[in-house]
Amino acid sequence: ELARAEPLPRQRPVQPGWTSAPAVSFGGEFQNGPVRWSRL
């Protein structure tokens, strides 16, 4: 079972004022969705 275990994705350290660290995958997308252009 230990041999079959996979490591969790790396996470950014939690910044002051954040409730959790936003995890980024190696594909360049956030776990909550792709990086988007700012309309403003």
Full PDB file with SEQRES, HELIX, SHEET, SSBOND, CRYST1, ORIGX, SCALE, CONECT and MASTER records, all heavy atoms in Angstrom:
SEQRES   1 A   40  GLU LEU ALA ARG ALA GLU PRO LEU PRO ARG GLN ARG PRO          
SEQRES   2 A   40  VAL GLN PRO GLY TRP THR SER ALA PRO ALA VAL SER PHE          
SEQRES   3 A   40  GLY GLY GLU PHE GLN ASN GLY PRO VAL ARG TRP SER ARG          
SEQRES   4 A   40  LEU                                                          
CRYST1    1.000    1.000    1.000  90.00  90.00  90.00 P 1           1          
ORIGX1      1.000000  0.000000  0.000000        0.00000                         
ORIGX2      0.000000  1.000000  0.000000        0.00000                         
ORIGX3      0.000000  0.000000  1.000000        0.00000                         
SCALE1      1.000000  0.000000  0.000000        0.00000                         
SCALE2      0.000000  1.000000  0.000000        0.00000                         
SCALE3      0.000000  0.000000  1.000000        0.00000                         
ATOM      1  N   GLU A   1       0.830  -1.211   0.000  1.00  0.00           N  
ATOM      2  CA  GLU A   1       0.000   0.000   0.000  1.00  0.00           C  
ATOM      3  C   GLU A   1       0.867   1.264   0.000  1.00  0.00           C  
ATOM      4  O   GLU A   1       0.537   2.268  -0.636  1.00  0.00           O  
ATOM      5  CB  GLU A   1      -0.914  -0.015   1.212  1.00  0.00           C  
ATOM      6  CG  GLU A   1      -2.009  -1.064   1.115  1.00  0.00           C  
ATOM      7  CD  GLU A   1      -2.824  -1.160   2.395  1.00  0.00           C  
ATOM      8  OE1 GLU A   1      -2.275  -0.834   3.482  1.00  0.00           O  
ATOM      9  OE2 GLU A   1      -3.999  -1.531   2.307  1.00  0.00           O  
ATOM     10  N   LEU A   2       1.969   1.207   0.718  1.00  0.00           N  
ATOM     11  CA  LEU A   2       2.871   2.362   0.694  1.00  0.00           C  
ATOM     12  C   LEU A   2       3.473   2.577  -0.681  1.00  0.00           C  
ATOM     13  O   LEU A   2       3.666   3.716  -1.139  1.00  0.00           O  
ATOM     14  CB  LEU A   2       3.991   2.171   1.718  1.00  0.00           C  
ATOM     15  CG  LEU A   2       3.601   2.320   3.187  1.00  0.00           C  
ATOM     16  CD1 LEU A   2       4.790   1.976   4.077  1.00  0.00           C  
ATOM     17  CD2 LEU A   2       3.124   3.739   3.458  1.00  0.00           C  
ATOM     18  N   ALA A   3       3.776   1.494  -1.419  1.00  0.00           N  
ATOM     19  CA  ALA A   3       4.355   1.622  -2.748  1.00  0.00           C  
ATOM     20  C   ALA A   3       3.371   2.220  -3.737  1.00  0.00           C  
ATOM     21  O   ALA A   3       3.741   2.913  -4.682  1.00  0.00           O  
ATOM     22  CB  ALA A   3       4.842   0.255  -3.237  1.00  0.00           C  
ATOM     23  N   ARG A   4       2.084   1.922  -3.539  1.00  0.00           N  
ATOM     24  CA  ARG A   4       1.057   2.437  -4.460  1.00  0.00           C  
ATOM     25  C   ARG A   4       0.622   3.863  -4.110  1.00  0.00           C  
ATOM     26  O   ARG A   4      -0.126   4.476  -4.851  1.00  0.00           O  
ATOM     27  CB  ARG A   4      -0.166   1.515  -4.440  1.00  0.00           C  
ATOM     28  CG  ARG A   4       0.086   0.159  -5.088  1.00  0.00           C  
ATOM     29  CD  ARG A   4      -1.228  -0.557  -5.323  1.00  0.00           C  
ATOM     30  NE  ARG A   4      -1.977  -0.755  -4.099  1.00  0.00           N  
ATOM     31  CZ  ARG A   4      -1.897  -1.840  -3.314  1.00  0.00           C  
ATOM     32  NH1 ARG A   4      -1.051  -2.812  -3.651  1.00  0.00           N  
ATOM     33  NH2 ARG A   4      -2.611  -1.962  -2.226  1.00  0.00           N  
ATOM     34  N   ALA A   5       1.045   4.414  -3.032  1.00  0.00           N  
ATOM     35  CA  ALA A   5       0.624   5.756  -2.626  1.00  0.00           C  
ATOM     36  C   ALA A   5       1.223   6.822  -3.556  1.00  0.00           C  
ATOM     37  O   ALA A   5       2.347   6.703  -4.027  1.00  0.00           O  
ATOM     38  CB  ALA A   5       1.049   6.025  -1.185  1.00  0.00           C  
ATOM     39  N   GLU A   6       0.447   7.874  -3.855  1.00  0.00           N  
ATOM     40  CA  GLU A   6       0.873   8.987  -4.710  1.00  0.00           C  
ATOM     41  C   GLU A   6       0.945  10.264  -3.873  1.00  0.00           C  
ATOM     42  O   GLU A   6       0.076  10.521  -3.035  1.00  0.00           O  
ATOM     43  CB  GLU A   6      -0.103   9.193  -5.871  1.00  0.00           C  
ATOM     44  CG  GLU A   6      -0.140   8.038  -6.849  1.00  0.00           C  
ATOM     45  CD  GLU A   6      -1.085   8.317  -8.003  1.00  0.00           C  
ATOM     46  OE1 GLU A   6      -1.693   9.418  -7.989  1.00  0.00           O  
ATOM     47  OE2 GLU A   6      -1.213   7.451  -8.891  1.00  0.00           O  
ATOM     48  N   PRO A   7       1.960  11.069  -4.087  1.00  0.00           N  
ATOM     49  CA  PRO A   7       2.066  12.318  -3.293  1.00  0.00           C  
ATOM     50  C   PRO A   7       0.983  13.311  -3.696  1.00  0.00           C  
ATOM     51  O   PRO A   7       0.527  13.346  -4.845  1.00  0.00           O  
ATOM     52  CB  PRO A   7       3.464  12.834  -3.636  1.00  0.00           C  
ATOM     53  CG  PRO A   7       3.749  12.269  -4.984  1.00  0.00           C  
ATOM     54  CD  PRO A   7       3.074  10.921  -5.031  1.00  0.00           C  
ATOM     55  N   LEU A   8       0.578  14.156  -2.735  1.00  0.00           N  
ATOM     56  CA  LEU A   8      -0.399  15.199  -3.017  1.00  0.00           C  
ATOM     57  C   LEU A   8       0.268  16.340  -3.800  1.00  0.00           C  
ATOM     58  O   LEU A   8       1.485  16.535  -3.732  1.00  0.00           O  
ATOM     59  CB  LEU A   8      -0.964  15.745  -1.704  1.00  0.00           C  
ATOM     60  CG  LEU A   8      -1.813  14.755  -0.885  1.00  0.00           C  
ATOM     61  CD1 LEU A   8      -2.185  15.393   0.453  1.00  0.00           C  
ATOM     62  CD2 LEU A   8      -3.059  14.356  -1.658  1.00  0.00           C  
ATOM     63  N   PRO A   9      -0.529  17.141  -4.596  1.00  0.00           N  
ATOM     64  CA  PRO A   9       0.054  18.294  -5.323  1.00  0.00           C  
ATOM     65  C   PRO A   9       0.663  19.298  -4.353  1.00  0.00           C  
ATOM     66  O   PRO A   9       0.180  19.488  -3.235  1.00  0.00           O  
ATOM     67  CB  PRO A   9      -1.146  18.890  -6.073  1.00  0.00           C  
ATOM     68  CG  PRO A   9      -2.148  17.800  -6.127  1.00  0.00           C  
ATOM     69  CD  PRO A   9      -1.956  16.966  -4.905  1.00  0.00           C  
ATOM     70  N   ARG A  10       1.761  19.925  -4.811  1.00  0.00           N  
ATOM     71  CA  ARG A  10       2.395  20.948  -3.989  1.00  0.00           C  
ATOM     72  C   ARG A  10       1.468  22.150  -3.815  1.00  0.00           C  
ATOM     73  O   ARG A  10       0.750  22.523  -4.740  1.00  0.00           O  
ATOM     74  CB  ARG A  10       3.708  21.401  -4.611  1.00  0.00           C  
ATOM     75  CG  ARG A  10       4.772  20.319  -4.597  1.00  0.00           C  
ATOM     76  CD  ARG A  10       6.122  20.900  -4.961  1.00  0.00           C  
ATOM     77  NE  ARG A  10       6.064  21.616  -6.214  1.00  0.00           N  
ATOM     78  CZ  ARG A  10       7.069  22.368  -6.668  1.00  0.00           C  
ATOM     79  NH1 ARG A  10       8.171  22.520  -5.931  1.00  0.00           N  
ATOM     80  NH2 ARG A  10       6.969  22.977  -7.830  1.00  0.00           N  
ATOM     81  N   GLN A  11       1.505  22.762  -2.681  1.00  0.00           N  
ATOM     82  CA  GLN A  11       0.656  23.909  -2.393  1.00  0.00           C  
ATOM     83  C   GLN A  11       1.508  25.118  -2.016  1.00  0.00           C  
ATOM     84  O   GLN A  11       2.611  24.972  -1.493  1.00  0.00           O  
ATOM     85  CB  GLN A  11      -0.304  23.596  -1.245  1.00  0.00           C  
ATOM     86  CG  GLN A  11      -1.303  22.495  -1.592  1.00  0.00           C  
ATOM     87  CD  GLN A  11      -2.291  22.297  -0.467  1.00  0.00           C  
ATOM     88  OE1 GLN A  11      -2.089  22.807   0.624  1.00  0.00           O  
ATOM     89  NE2 GLN A  11      -3.363  21.575  -0.740  1.00  0.00           N  
ATOM     90  N   ARG A  12       0.953  26.276  -2.356  1.00  0.00           N  
ATOM     91  CA  ARG A  12       1.588  27.516  -1.928  1.00  0.00           C  
ATOM     92  C   ARG A  12       1.390  27.702  -0.443  1.00  0.00           C  
ATOM     93  O   ARG A  12       0.384  27.296   0.118  1.00  0.00           O  
ATOM     94  CB  ARG A  12       0.994  28.719  -2.650  1.00  0.00           C  
ATOM     95  CG  ARG A  12       1.281  28.756  -4.135  1.00  0.00           C  
ATOM     96  CD  ARG A  12       0.565  29.923  -4.767  1.00  0.00           C  
ATOM     97  NE  ARG A  12       0.956  31.189  -4.145  1.00  0.00           N  
ATOM     98  CZ  ARG A  12       0.187  32.249  -4.084  1.00  0.00           C  
ATOM     99  NH1 ARG A  12      -1.015  32.220  -4.585  1.00  0.00           N  
ATOM    100  NH2 ARG A  12       0.615  33.351  -3.525  1.00  0.00           N  
ATOM    101  N   PRO A  13       2.352  28.301   0.239  1.00  0.00           N  
ATOM    102  CA  PRO A  13       2.151  28.586   1.668  1.00  0.00           C  
ATOM    103  C   PRO A  13       0.996  29.553   1.866  1.00  0.00           C  
ATOM    104  O   PRO A  13       0.727  30.412   1.028  1.00  0.00           O  
ATOM    105  CB  PRO A  13       3.486  29.198   2.103  1.00  0.00           C  
ATOM    106  CG  PRO A  13       4.078  29.741   0.845  1.00  0.00           C  
ATOM    107  CD  PRO A  13       3.641  28.794  -0.240  1.00  0.00           C  
ATOM    108  N   VAL A  14       0.316  29.376   2.959  1.00  0.00           N  
ATOM    109  CA  VAL A  14      -0.825  30.235   3.265  1.00  0.00           C  
ATOM    110  C   VAL A  14      -0.333  31.632   3.598  1.00  0.00           C  
ATOM    111  O   VAL A  14       0.532  31.801   4.463  1.00  0.00           O  
ATOM    112  CB  VAL A  14      -1.635  29.641   4.432  1.00  0.00           C  
ATOM    113  CG1 VAL A  14      -2.798  30.562   4.788  1.00  0.00           C  
ATOM    114  CG2 VAL A  14      -2.140  28.262   4.064  1.00  0.00           C  
ATOM    115  N   GLN A  15      -0.860  32.645   2.863  1.00  0.00           N  
ATOM    116  CA  GLN A  15      -0.492  34.034   3.102  1.00  0.00           C  
ATOM    117  C   GLN A  15      -1.358  34.615   4.219  1.00  0.00           C  
ATOM    118  O   GLN A  15      -2.459  34.127   4.472  1.00  0.00           O  
ATOM    119  CB  GLN A  15      -0.668  34.867   1.832  1.00  0.00           C  
ATOM    120  CG  GLN A  15       0.178  34.377   0.689  1.00  0.00           C  
ATOM    121  CD  GLN A  15       1.652  34.550   0.965  1.00  0.00           C  
ATOM    122  OE1 GLN A  15       2.028  35.462   1.692  1.00  0.00           O  
ATOM    123  NE2 GLN A  15       2.470  33.672   0.409  1.00  0.00           N  
ATOM    124  N   PRO A  16      -0.861  35.660   4.874  1.00  0.00           N  
ATOM    125  CA  PRO A  16      -1.675  36.285   5.938  1.00  0.00           C  
ATOM    126  C   PRO A  16      -3.011  36.764   5.388  1.00  0.00           C  
ATOM    127  O   PRO A  16      -3.070  37.426   4.357  1.00  0.00           O  
ATOM    128  CB  PRO A  16      -0.798  37.460   6.405  1.00  0.00           C  
ATOM    129  CG  PRO A  16       0.590  37.066   6.025  1.00  0.00           C  
ATOM    130  CD  PRO A  16       0.468  36.255   4.769  1.00  0.00           C  
ATOM    131  N   GLY A  17      -4.069  36.394   6.091  1.00  0.00           N  
ATOM    132  CA  GLY A  17      -5.405  36.797   5.663  1.00  0.00           C  
ATOM    133  C   GLY A  17      -6.090  35.781   4.772  1.00  0.00           C  
ATOM    134  O   GLY A  17      -7.271  35.928   4.469  1.00  0.00           O  
ATOM    135  N   TRP A  18      -5.371  34.722   4.311  1.00  0.00           N  
ATOM    136  CA  TRP A  18      -5.997  33.690   3.489  1.00  0.00           C  
ATOM    137  C   TRP A  18      -6.508  32.576   4.402  1.00  0.00           C  
ATOM    138  O   TRP A  18      -5.859  32.191   5.379  1.00  0.00           O  
ATOM    139  CB  TRP A  18      -4.993  33.108   2.493  1.00  0.00           C  
ATOM    140  CG  TRP A  18      -4.644  34.035   1.383  1.00  0.00           C  
ATOM    141  CD1 TRP A  18      -4.924  35.363   1.294  1.00  0.00           C  
ATOM    142  CD2 TRP A  18      -3.932  33.700   0.195  1.00  0.00           C  
ATOM    143  NE1 TRP A  18      -4.453  35.883   0.139  1.00  0.00           N  
ATOM    144  CE2 TRP A  18      -3.829  34.874  -0.571  1.00  0.00           C  
ATOM    145  CE3 TRP A  18      -3.377  32.524  -0.305  1.00  0.00           C  
ATOM    146  CZ2 TRP A  18      -3.201  34.907  -1.800  1.00  0.00           C  
ATOM    147  CZ3 TRP A  18      -2.752  32.556  -1.526  1.00  0.00           C  
ATOM    148  CH2 TRP A  18      -2.667  33.731  -2.258  1.00  0.00           C  
ATOM    149  N   THR A  19      -7.619  32.022   4.054  1.00  0.00           N  
ATOM    150  CA  THR A  19      -8.161  30.897   4.814  1.00  0.00           C  
ATOM    151  C   THR A  19      -7.503  29.595   4.409  1.00  0.00           C  
ATOM    152  O   THR A  19      -7.442  28.653   5.188  1.00  0.00           O  
ATOM    153  CB  THR A  19      -9.674  30.809   4.598  1.00  0.00           C  
ATOM    154  OG1 THR A  19      -9.940  30.682   3.209  1.00  0.00           O  
ATOM    155  CG2 THR A  19     -10.366  32.080   5.097  1.00  0.00           C  
ATOM    156  N   SER A  20      -7.013  29.521   3.201  1.00  0.00           N  
ATOM    157  CA  SER A  20      -6.326  28.317   2.736  1.00  0.00           C  
ATOM    158  C   SER A  20      -5.430  28.688   1.593  1.00  0.00           C  
ATOM    159  O   SER A  20      -5.608  29.718   0.958  1.00  0.00           O  
ATOM    160  CB  SER A  20      -7.335  27.246   2.301  1.00  0.00           C  
ATOM    161  OG  SER A  20      -8.103  27.711   1.207  1.00  0.00           O  
ATOM    162  N   ALA A  21      -4.459  27.848   1.284  1.00  0.00           N  
ATOM    163  CA  ALA A  21      -3.532  28.110   0.196  1.00  0.00           C  
ATOM    164  C   ALA A  21      -4.100  27.607  -1.105  1.00  0.00           C  
ATOM    165  O   ALA A  21      -4.478  26.436  -1.208  1.00  0.00           O  
ATOM    166  CB  ALA A  21      -2.207  27.416   0.474  1.00  0.00           C  
ATOM    167  N   PRO A  22      -4.223  28.468  -2.172  1.00  0.00           N  
ATOM    168  CA  PRO A  22      -4.757  28.010  -3.454  1.00  0.00           C  
ATOM    169  C   PRO A  22      -3.764  27.074  -4.117  1.00  0.00           C  
ATOM    170  O   PRO A  22      -2.620  27.432  -4.362  1.00  0.00           O  
ATOM    171  CB  PRO A  22      -4.934  29.307  -4.256  1.00  0.00           C  
ATOM    172  CG  PRO A  22      -3.962  30.262  -3.645  1.00  0.00           C  
ATOM    173  CD  PRO A  22      -3.857  29.894  -2.207  1.00  0.00           C  
ATOM    174  N   ALA A  23      -4.191  25.881  -4.403  1.00  0.00           N  
ATOM    175  CA  ALA A  23      -3.309  24.881  -5.000  1.00  0.00           C  
ATOM    176  C   ALA A  23      -3.254  25.055  -6.501  1.00  0.00           C  
ATOM    177  O   ALA A  23      -4.264  25.298  -7.151  1.00  0.00           O  
ATOM    178  CB  ALA A  23      -3.805  23.479  -4.665  1.00  0.00           C  
ATOM    179  N   VAL A  24      -2.037  24.943  -7.051  1.00  0.00           N  
ATOM    180  CA  VAL A  24      -1.834  25.086  -8.481  1.00  0.00           C  
ATOM    181  C   VAL A  24      -1.294  23.777  -9.023  1.00  0.00           C  
ATOM    182  O   VAL A  24      -0.350  23.208  -8.472  1.00  0.00           O  
ATOM    183  CB  VAL A  24      -0.841  26.219  -8.783  1.00  0.00           C  
ATOM    184  CG1 VAL A  24      -0.717  26.420 -10.272  1.00  0.00           C  
ATOM    185  CG2 VAL A  24      -1.310  27.492  -8.115  1.00  0.00           C  
ATOM    186  N   SER A  25      -1.882  23.308 -10.085  1.00  0.00           N  
ATOM    187  CA  SER A  25      -1.394  22.083 -10.707  1.00  0.00           C  
ATOM    188  C   SER A  25      -0.295  22.412 -11.692  1.00  0.00           C  
ATOM    189  O   SER A  25      -0.095  23.562 -12.078  1.00  0.00           O  
ATOM    190  CB  SER A  25      -2.542  21.364 -11.415  1.00  0.00           C  
ATOM    191  OG  SER A  25      -2.966  22.120 -12.522  1.00  0.00           O  
ATOM    192  N   PHE A  26       0.448  21.387 -12.120  1.00  0.00           N  
ATOM    193  CA  PHE A  26       1.540  21.588 -13.053  1.00  0.00           C  
ATOM    194  C   PHE A  26       1.037  21.952 -14.440  1.00  0.00           C  
ATOM    195  O   PHE A  26       1.811  22.340 -15.298  1.00  0.00           O  
ATOM    196  CB  PHE A  26       2.413  20.330 -13.118  1.00  0.00           C  
ATOM    197  CG  PHE A  26       3.161  20.073 -11.835  1.00  0.00           C  
ATOM    198  CD1 PHE A  26       2.706  19.140 -10.927  1.00  0.00           C  
ATOM    199  CD2 PHE A  26       4.286  20.801 -11.521  1.00  0.00           C  
ATOM    200  CE1 PHE A  26       3.382  18.906  -9.742  1.00  0.00           C  
ATOM    201  CE2 PHE A  26       4.971  20.579 -10.343  1.00  0.00           C  
ATOM    202  CZ  PHE A  26       4.506  19.630  -9.438  1.00  0.00           C  
ATOM    203  N   GLY A  27      -0.241  21.849 -14.692  1.00  0.00           N  
ATOM    204  CA  GLY A  27      -0.792  22.206 -16.004  1.00  0.00           C  
ATOM    205  C   GLY A  27      -1.055  23.675 -16.169  1.00  0.00           C  
ATOM    206  O   GLY A  27      -1.574  24.103 -17.193  1.00  0.00           O  
ATOM    207  N   GLY A  28      -0.731  24.486 -15.135  1.00  0.00           N  
ATOM    208  CA  GLY A  28      -0.915  25.932 -15.245  1.00  0.00           C  
ATOM    209  C   GLY A  28      -2.316  26.389 -14.918  1.00  0.00           C  
ATOM    210  O   GLY A  28      -2.687  27.508 -15.181  1.00  0.00           O  
ATOM    211  N   GLU A  29      -3.166  25.506 -14.343  1.00  0.00           N  
ATOM    212  CA  GLU A  29      -4.512  25.879 -13.991  1.00  0.00           C  
ATOM    213  C   GLU A  29      -4.697  25.742 -12.493  1.00  0.00           C  
ATOM    214  O   GLU A  29      -4.119  24.858 -11.853  1.00  0.00           O  
ATOM    215  CB  GLU A  29      -5.537  25.007 -14.722  1.00  0.00           C  
ATOM    216  CG  GLU A  29      -5.524  25.165 -16.228  1.00  0.00           C  
ATOM    217  CD  GLU A  29      -6.595  24.316 -16.875  1.00  0.00           C  
ATOM    218  OE1 GLU A  29      -7.241  23.559 -16.137  1.00  0.00           O  
ATOM    219  OE2 GLU A  29      -6.782  24.429 -18.100  1.00  0.00           O  
ATOM    220  N   PHE A  30      -5.518  26.579 -11.927  1.00  0.00           N  
ATOM    221  CA  PHE A  30      -5.847  26.449 -10.524  1.00  0.00           C  
ATOM    222  C   PHE A  30      -6.855  25.316 -10.359  1.00  0.00           C  
ATOM    223  O   PHE A  30      -7.541  24.933 -11.307  1.00  0.00           O  
ATOM    224  CB  PHE A  30      -6.451  27.765  -9.992  1.00  0.00           C  
ATOM    225  CG  PHE A  30      -5.414  28.813  -9.744  1.00  0.00           C  
ATOM    226  CD1 PHE A  30      -5.003  29.650 -10.758  1.00  0.00           C  
ATOM    227  CD2 PHE A  30      -4.845  28.938  -8.494  1.00  0.00           C  
ATOM    228  CE1 PHE A  30      -4.038  30.607 -10.522  1.00  0.00           C  
ATOM    229  CE2 PHE A  30      -3.876  29.900  -8.263  1.00  0.00           C  
ATOM    230  CZ  PHE A  30      -3.479  30.733  -9.277  1.00  0.00           C  
ATOM    231  N   GLN A  31      -6.927  24.814  -9.161  1.00  0.00           N  
ATOM    232  CA  GLN A  31      -7.884  23.766  -8.916  1.00  0.00           C  
ATOM    233  C   GLN A  31      -9.309  24.234  -9.125  1.00  0.00           C  
ATOM    234  O   GLN A  31     -10.187  23.443  -9.455  1.00  0.00           O  
ATOM    235  CB  GLN A  31      -7.715  23.230  -7.485  1.00  0.00           C  
ATOM    236  CG  GLN A  31      -6.425  22.458  -7.273  1.00  0.00           C  
ATOM    237  CD  GLN A  31      -6.302  21.929  -5.864  1.00  0.00           C  
ATOM    238  OE1 GLN A  31      -7.108  22.269  -4.993  1.00  0.00           O  
ATOM    239  NE2 GLN A  31      -5.306  21.099  -5.637  1.00  0.00           N  
ATOM    240  N   ASN A  32      -9.543  25.559  -8.927  1.00  0.00           N  
ATOM    241  CA  ASN A  32     -10.889  26.078  -9.114  1.00  0.00           C  
ATOM    242  C   ASN A  32     -11.190  26.458 -10.544  1.00  0.00           C  
ATOM    243  O   ASN A  32     -12.272  26.935 -10.846  1.00  0.00           O  
ATOM    244  CB  ASN A  32     -11.107  27.299  -8.221  1.00  0.00           C  
ATOM    245  CG  ASN A  32     -11.075  26.934  -6.756  1.00  0.00           C  
ATOM    246  OD1 ASN A  32     -11.343  25.783  -6.402  1.00  0.00           O  
ATOM    247  ND2 ASN A  32     -10.727  27.891  -5.905  1.00  0.00           N  
ATOM    248  N   GLY A  33     -10.224  26.403 -11.486  1.00  0.00           N  
ATOM    249  CA  GLY A  33     -10.482  26.753 -12.870  1.00  0.00           C  
ATOM    250  C   GLY A  33      -9.250  27.310 -13.532  1.00  0.00           C  
ATOM    251  O   GLY A  33      -8.212  27.498 -12.894  1.00  0.00           O  
ATOM    252  N   PRO A  34      -9.309  27.609 -14.842  1.00  0.00           N  
ATOM    253  CA  PRO A  34      -8.148  28.106 -15.574  1.00  0.00           C  
ATOM    254  C   PRO A  34      -7.854  29.563 -15.241  1.00  0.00           C  
ATOM    255  O   PRO A  34      -8.693  30.297 -14.737  1.00  0.00           O  
ATOM    256  CB  PRO A  34      -8.578  27.962 -17.028  1.00  0.00           C  
ATOM    257  CG  PRO A  34     -10.069  28.070 -16.985  1.00  0.00           C  
ATOM    258  CD  PRO A  34     -10.482  27.414 -15.703  1.00  0.00           C  
ATOM    259  N   VAL A  35      -6.604  30.007 -15.524  1.00  0.00           N  
ATOM    260  CA  VAL A  35      -6.215  31.405 -15.371  1.00  0.00           C  
ATOM    261  C   VAL A  35      -6.883  32.229 -16.470  1.00  0.00           C  
ATOM    262  O   VAL A  35      -6.813  31.874 -17.649  1.00  0.00           O  
ATOM    263  CB  VAL A  35      -4.682  31.550 -15.454  1.00  0.00           C  
ATOM    264  CG1 VAL A  35      -4.277  32.998 -15.328  1.00  0.00           C  
ATOM    265  CG2 VAL A  35      -4.018  30.710 -14.377  1.00  0.00           C  
ATOM    266  N   ARG A  36      -7.528  33.338 -16.098  1.00  0.00           N  
ATOM    267  CA  ARG A  36      -8.309  34.131 -17.048  1.00  0.00           C  
ATOM    268  C   ARG A  36      -7.763  35.552 -17.154  1.00  0.00           C  
ATOM    269  O   ARG A  36      -7.101  36.043 -16.250  1.00  0.00           O  
ATOM    270  CB  ARG A  36      -9.783  34.164 -16.621  1.00  0.00           C  
ATOM    271  CG  ARG A  36     -10.439  32.793 -16.596  1.00  0.00           C  
ATOM    272  CD  ARG A  36     -11.881  32.907 -16.181  1.00  0.00           C  
ATOM    273  NE  ARG A  36     -12.546  31.605 -16.165  1.00  0.00           N  
ATOM    274  CZ  ARG A  36     -13.819  31.424 -15.813  1.00  0.00           C  
ATOM    275  NH1 ARG A  36     -14.543  32.469 -15.424  1.00  0.00           N  
ATOM    276  NH2 ARG A  36     -14.336  30.219 -15.843  1.00  0.00           N  
ATOM    277  N   TRP A  37      -8.107  36.217 -18.283  1.00  0.00           N  
ATOM    278  CA  TRP A  37      -7.711  37.609 -18.500  1.00  0.00           C  
ATOM    279  C   TRP A  37      -8.623  38.525 -17.700  1.00  0.00           C  
ATOM    280  O   TRP A  37      -9.826  38.311 -17.606  1.00  0.00           O  
ATOM    281  CB  TRP A  37      -7.802  37.967 -19.980  1.00  0.00           C  
ATOM    282  CG  TRP A  37      -6.699  37.379 -20.798  1.00  0.00           C  
ATOM    283  CD1 TRP A  37      -6.734  36.236 -21.518  1.00  0.00           C  
ATOM    284  CD2 TRP A  37      -5.396  37.928 -20.961  1.00  0.00           C  
ATOM    285  NE1 TRP A  37      -5.532  36.006 -22.125  1.00  0.00           N  
ATOM    286  CE2 TRP A  37      -4.685  37.035 -21.810  1.00  0.00           C  
ATOM    287  CE3 TRP A  37      -4.747  39.060 -20.492  1.00  0.00           C  
ATOM    288  CZ2 TRP A  37      -3.372  37.256 -22.182  1.00  0.00           C  
ATOM    289  CZ3 TRP A  37      -3.450  39.284 -20.860  1.00  0.00           C  
ATOM    290  CH2 TRP A  37      -2.767  38.396 -21.691  1.00  0.00           C  
ATOM    291  N   SER A  38      -8.029  39.578 -17.157  1.00  0.00           N  
ATOM    292  CA  SER A  38      -8.795  40.578 -16.416  1.00  0.00           C  
ATOM    293  C   SER A  38      -9.518  41.496 -17.393  1.00  0.00           C  
ATOM    294  O   SER A  38      -8.900  42.152 -18.223  1.00  0.00           O  
ATOM    295  CB  SER A  38      -7.861  41.391 -15.510  1.00  0.00           C  
ATOM    296  OG  SER A  38      -8.548  42.484 -14.942  1.00  0.00           O  
ATOM    297  N   ARG A  39     -10.822  41.532 -17.283  1.00  0.00           N  
ATOM    298  CA  ARG A  39     -11.606  42.400 -18.172  1.00  0.00           C  
ATOM    299  C   ARG A  39     -11.343  43.875 -17.892  1.00  0.00           C  
ATOM    300  O   ARG A  39     -11.362  44.698 -18.811  1.00  0.00           O  
ATOM    301  CB  ARG A  39     -13.095  42.090 -18.005  1.00  0.00           C  
ATOM    302  CG  ARG A  39     -13.495  40.690 -18.467  1.00  0.00           C  
ATOM    303  CD  ARG A  39     -14.990  40.480 -18.309  1.00  0.00           C  
ATOM    304  NE  ARG A  39     -15.384  39.153 -18.771  1.00  0.00           N  
ATOM    305  CZ  ARG A  39     -16.629  38.694 -18.734  1.00  0.00           C  
ATOM    306  NH1 ARG A  39     -17.608  39.473 -18.240  1.00  0.00           N  
ATOM    307  NH2 ARG A  39     -16.913  37.483 -19.168  1.00  0.00           N  
ATOM    308  N   LEU A  40     -11.099  44.207 -16.636  1.00  0.00           N  
ATOM    309  CA  LEU A  40     -10.813  45.604 -16.308  1.00  0.00           C  
ATOM    310  C   LEU A  40      -9.500  46.060 -16.943  1.00  0.00           C  
ATOM    311  O   LEU A  40      -9.394  47.195 -17.430  1.00  0.00           O  
ATOM    312  CB  LEU A  40     -10.746  45.793 -14.799  1.00  0.00           C  
ATOM    313  CG  LEU A  40     -12.083  45.816 -14.050  1.00  0.00           C  
ATOM    314  CD1 LEU A  40     -11.840  45.893 -12.558  1.00  0.00           C  
ATOM    315  CD2 LEU A  40     -12.940  46.979 -14.508  1.00  0.00           C  
TER     316      LEU A  40                                                      
MASTER        0    0    0    0    0    0    0    6  315    1    0    4          
END                                                                             
